[in-house]
Amino acid sequence: QVQLAESGGGLVQAGGSLRLSCAASGSIFIITVMEWYRQAPGKQRELVASITTGGSARLADSVRGRFTISRDNANNTIYLQMNSLQPEDTGVYYCNVPGPFGGSWGRGIQVTVSS
């Protein structure tokens, strides 16, 4: 099993920045890909970004050019640097390791962007 712990959320003004962290523990040897999802109120959960152990990154169209995903393999941690935040970026952000039974999910962390 993999356990995930998110940190770094909060409330910022439009145009501001936040950096989210997700630290993995447990059976970390099985991890090859880690992901960030988000869910806004009344919306479906969407994939925001993913990164492989080798550092190959993918970003959703809605955040490309504003967000950056990175990985620190030595500490089994991924980061989501969020710049130029907009109110539509508001939601609960979740870290995930794909795998059996729907993967391993963090508890989620709130990001709120005020206008």
C-alpha atoms as a PDB file:
ATOM      1  CA  GLN A   1       0.000   0.000   0.000  1.00  0.00           C
ATOM      2  CA  VAL A   2       1.009   3.595  -0.672  1.00  0.00           C
ATOM      3  CA  GLN A   3       0.055   6.428   1.643  1.00  0.00           C
ATOM      4  CA  LEU A   4      -0.051  10.002   0.327  1.00  0.00           C
ATOM      5  CA  ALA A   5       0.022  13.268   2.247  1.00  0.00           C
ATOM      6  CA  GLU A   6      -0.758  16.573   0.532  1.00  0.00           C
ATOM      7  CA  SER A   7       0.276  19.960   1.845  1.00  0.00           C
ATOM      8  CA  GLY A   8       0.615  23.559   0.703  1.00  0.00           C
ATOM      9  CA  GLY A   9      -2.962  24.577  -0.054  1.00  0.00           C
ATOM     10  CA  GLY A  10      -4.690  27.715   1.084  1.00  0.00           C
ATOM     11  CA  LEU A  11      -6.354  30.917  -0.056  1.00  0.00           C
ATOM     12  CA  VAL A  12      -4.753  33.350  -2.496  1.00  0.00           C
ATOM     13  CA  GLN A  13      -5.776  36.326  -4.588  1.00  0.00           C
ATOM     14  CA  ALA A  14      -6.244  35.979  -8.338  1.00  0.00           C
ATOM     15  CA  GLY A  15      -2.865  36.167 -10.029  1.00  0.00           C
ATOM     16  CA  GLY A  16      -1.077  34.673  -7.046  1.00  0.00           C
ATOM     17  CA  SER A  17       0.829  31.420  -6.643  1.00  0.00           C
ATOM     18  CA  LEU A  18       0.796  28.303  -4.499  1.00  0.00           C
ATOM     19  CA  ARG A  19       2.941  25.185  -4.410  1.00  0.00           C
ATOM     20  CA  LEU A  20       1.362  21.868  -3.465  1.00  0.00           C
ATOM     21  CA  SER A  21       3.400  18.931  -2.193  1.00  0.00           C
ATOM     22  CA  CYS A  22       2.524  15.241  -2.072  1.00  0.00           C
ATOM     23  CA  ALA A  23       4.747  12.925  -0.050  1.00  0.00           C
ATOM     24  CA  ALA A  24       4.440   9.167  -0.582  1.00  0.00           C
ATOM     25  CA  SER A  25       5.197   6.515   2.000  1.00  0.00           C
ATOM     26  CA  GLY A  26       4.649   2.774   2.405  1.00  0.00           C
ATOM     27  CA  SER A  27       5.223   0.550  -0.636  1.00  0.00           C
ATOM     28  CA  ILE A  28       6.913   3.316  -2.576  1.00  0.00           C
ATOM     29  CA  PHE A  29       8.911   0.881  -4.704  1.00  0.00           C
ATOM     30  CA  ILE A  30       5.801   0.221  -6.816  1.00  0.00           C
ATOM     31  CA  ILE A  31       5.394   3.842  -7.884  1.00  0.00           C
ATOM     32  CA  THR A  32       6.076   4.716 -11.513  1.00  0.00           C
ATOM     33  CA  VAL A  33       3.546   7.528 -12.055  1.00  0.00           C
ATOM     34  CA  MET A  34       2.023  10.100  -9.724  1.00  0.00           C
ATOM     35  CA  GLU A  35      -0.869  12.417 -10.519  1.00  0.00           C
ATOM     36  CA  TRP A  36      -2.677  15.546  -9.371  1.00  0.00           C
ATOM     37  CA  TYR A  37      -6.464  15.734  -9.713  1.00  0.00           C
ATOM     38  CA  ARG A  38      -8.855  18.471  -8.689  1.00  0.00           C
ATOM     39  CA  GLN A  39     -12.573  18.767  -8.104  1.00  0.00           C
ATOM     40  CA  ALA A  40     -14.444  22.060  -8.105  1.00  0.00           C
ATOM     41  CA  PRO A  41     -17.854  22.412  -6.422  1.00  0.00           C
ATOM     42  CA  GLY A  42     -20.526  20.879  -8.636  1.00  0.00           C
ATOM     43  CA  LYS A  43     -17.955  19.616 -11.142  1.00  0.00           C
ATOM     44  CA  GLN A  44     -16.448  16.231 -11.957  1.00  0.00           C
ATOM     45  CA  ARG A  45     -12.974  15.383 -10.758  1.00  0.00           C
ATOM     46  CA  GLU A  46     -10.409  16.099 -13.457  1.00  0.00           C
ATOM     47  CA  LEU A  47      -6.813  15.123 -14.048  1.00  0.00           C
ATOM     48  CA  VAL A  48      -4.590  18.186 -13.768  1.00  0.00           C
ATOM     49  CA  ALA A  49      -1.079  16.797 -14.183  1.00  0.00           C
ATOM     50  CA  SER A  50       0.975  13.620 -14.072  1.00  0.00           C
ATOM     51  CA  ILE A  51       4.647  12.773 -13.886  1.00  0.00           C
ATOM     52  CA  THR A  52       6.683   9.589 -14.236  1.00  0.00           C
ATOM     53  CA  THR A  53       9.654   8.539 -12.141  1.00  0.00           C
ATOM     54  CA  GLY A  54      11.827   9.622 -15.064  1.00  0.00           C
ATOM     55  CA  GLY A  55      10.329  13.109 -15.034  1.00  0.00           C
ATOM     56  CA  SER A  56       8.048  12.947 -18.076  1.00  0.00           C
ATOM     57  CA  ALA A  57       5.232  15.405 -17.353  1.00  0.00           C
ATOM     58  CA  ARG A  58       1.730  15.938 -18.754  1.00  0.00           C
ATOM     59  CA  LEU A  59      -0.558  18.896 -18.063  1.00  0.00           C
ATOM     60  CA  ALA A  60      -4.231  19.499 -18.705  1.00  0.00           C
ATOM     61  CA  ASP A  61      -5.088  22.122 -21.314  1.00  0.00           C
ATOM     62  CA  SER A  62      -6.710  24.297 -18.661  1.00  0.00           C
ATOM     63  CA  VAL A  63      -3.473  24.699 -16.686  1.00  0.00           C
ATOM     64  CA  ARG A  64      -0.767  24.379 -19.328  1.00  0.00           C
ATOM     65  CA  GLY A  65       1.503  27.412 -19.255  1.00  0.00           C
ATOM     66  CA  ARG A  66       0.543  28.283 -15.674  1.00  0.00           C
ATOM     67  CA  PHE A  67       1.209  25.098 -13.657  1.00  0.00           C
ATOM     68  CA  THR A  68       4.329  22.955 -13.433  1.00  0.00           C
ATOM     69  CA  ILE A  69       4.590  19.441 -12.011  1.00  0.00           C
ATOM     70  CA  SER A  70       7.913  18.135 -10.728  1.00  0.00           C
ATOM     71  CA  ARG A  71       9.262  15.187  -8.754  1.00  0.00           C
ATOM     72  CA  ASP A  72      11.887  14.616  -6.082  1.00  0.00           C
ATOM     73  CA  ASN A  73      12.504  10.876  -6.320  1.00  0.00           C
ATOM     74  CA  ALA A  74      14.943  10.855  -3.402  1.00  0.00           C
ATOM     75  CA  ASN A  75      12.134  11.981  -1.095  1.00  0.00           C
ATOM     76  CA  ASN A  76       9.250  10.286  -2.963  1.00  0.00           C
ATOM     77  CA  THR A  77       7.545  13.636  -3.313  1.00  0.00           C
ATOM     78  CA  ILE A  78       5.855  15.462  -6.180  1.00  0.00           C
ATOM     79  CA  TYR A  79       5.066  19.153  -6.420  1.00  0.00           C
ATOM     80  CA  LEU A  80       2.531  21.242  -8.272  1.00  0.00           C
ATOM     81  CA  GLN A  81       3.675  24.823  -8.752  1.00  0.00           C
ATOM     82  CA  MET A  82       0.585  26.890  -9.536  1.00  0.00           C
ATOM     83  CA  ASN A  83       1.128  30.372 -10.949  1.00  0.00           C
ATOM     84  CA  SER A  84      -1.296  32.981 -12.294  1.00  0.00           C
ATOM     85  CA  LEU A  85      -4.094  31.393 -10.298  1.00  0.00           C
ATOM     86  CA  GLN A  86      -7.657  32.184 -11.305  1.00  0.00           C
ATOM     87  CA  PRO A  87     -10.948  31.748  -9.426  1.00  0.00           C
ATOM     88  CA  GLU A  88     -11.802  28.784 -11.669  1.00  0.00           C
ATOM     89  CA  ASP A  89      -8.778  26.968 -10.220  1.00  0.00           C
ATOM     90  CA  THR A  90     -10.607  26.774  -6.890  1.00  0.00           C
ATOM     91  CA  GLY A  91     -11.284  23.254  -5.671  1.00  0.00           C
ATOM     92  CA  VAL A  92     -10.003  20.306  -3.714  1.00  0.00           C
ATOM     93  CA  TYR A  93      -6.732  18.971  -5.090  1.00  0.00           C
ATOM     94  CA  TYR A  94      -5.897  15.278  -4.735  1.00  0.00           C
ATOM     95  CA  CYS A  95      -2.672  13.354  -5.169  1.00  0.00           C
ATOM     96  CA  ASN A  96      -2.972   9.854  -6.663  1.00  0.00           C
ATOM     97  CA  VAL A  97      -0.802   6.859  -7.474  1.00  0.00           C
ATOM     98  CA  PRO A  98      -2.547   4.769 -10.158  1.00  0.00           C
ATOM     99  CA  GLY A  99      -2.959   1.123  -9.247  1.00  0.00           C
ATOM    100  CA  PRO A 100      -5.353  -1.670  -8.299  1.00  0.00           C
ATOM    101  CA  PHE A 101      -8.734  -0.866  -6.781  1.00  0.00           C
ATOM    102  CA  GLY A 102      -8.729   2.693  -8.066  1.00  0.00           C
ATOM    103  CA  GLY A 103      -5.235   3.648  -6.985  1.00  0.00           C
ATOM    104  CA  SER A 104      -3.958   5.247  -3.803  1.00  0.00           C
ATOM    105  CA  TRP A 105      -5.405   8.675  -2.988  1.00  0.00           C
ATOM    106  CA  GLY A 106      -4.498  11.429  -0.603  1.00  0.00           C
ATOM    107  CA  ARG A 107      -7.158  13.052   1.535  1.00  0.00           C
ATOM    108  CA  GLY A 108      -7.271  16.169  -0.636  1.00  0.00           C
ATOM    109  CA  ILE A 109      -6.311  19.759   0.074  1.00  0.00           C
ATOM    110  CA  GLN A 110      -8.344  22.922  -0.474  1.00  0.00           C
ATOM    111  CA  VAL A 111      -7.193  25.621  -2.886  1.00  0.00           C
ATOM    112  CA  THR A 112      -9.263  28.796  -2.972  1.00  0.00           C
ATOM    113  CA  VAL A 113      -8.587  31.694  -5.336  1.00  0.00           C
ATOM    114  CA  SER A 114     -10.430  34.935  -4.642  1.00  0.00           C
ATOM    115  CA  SER A 115     -11.223  37.571  -7.250  1.00  0.00           C
END
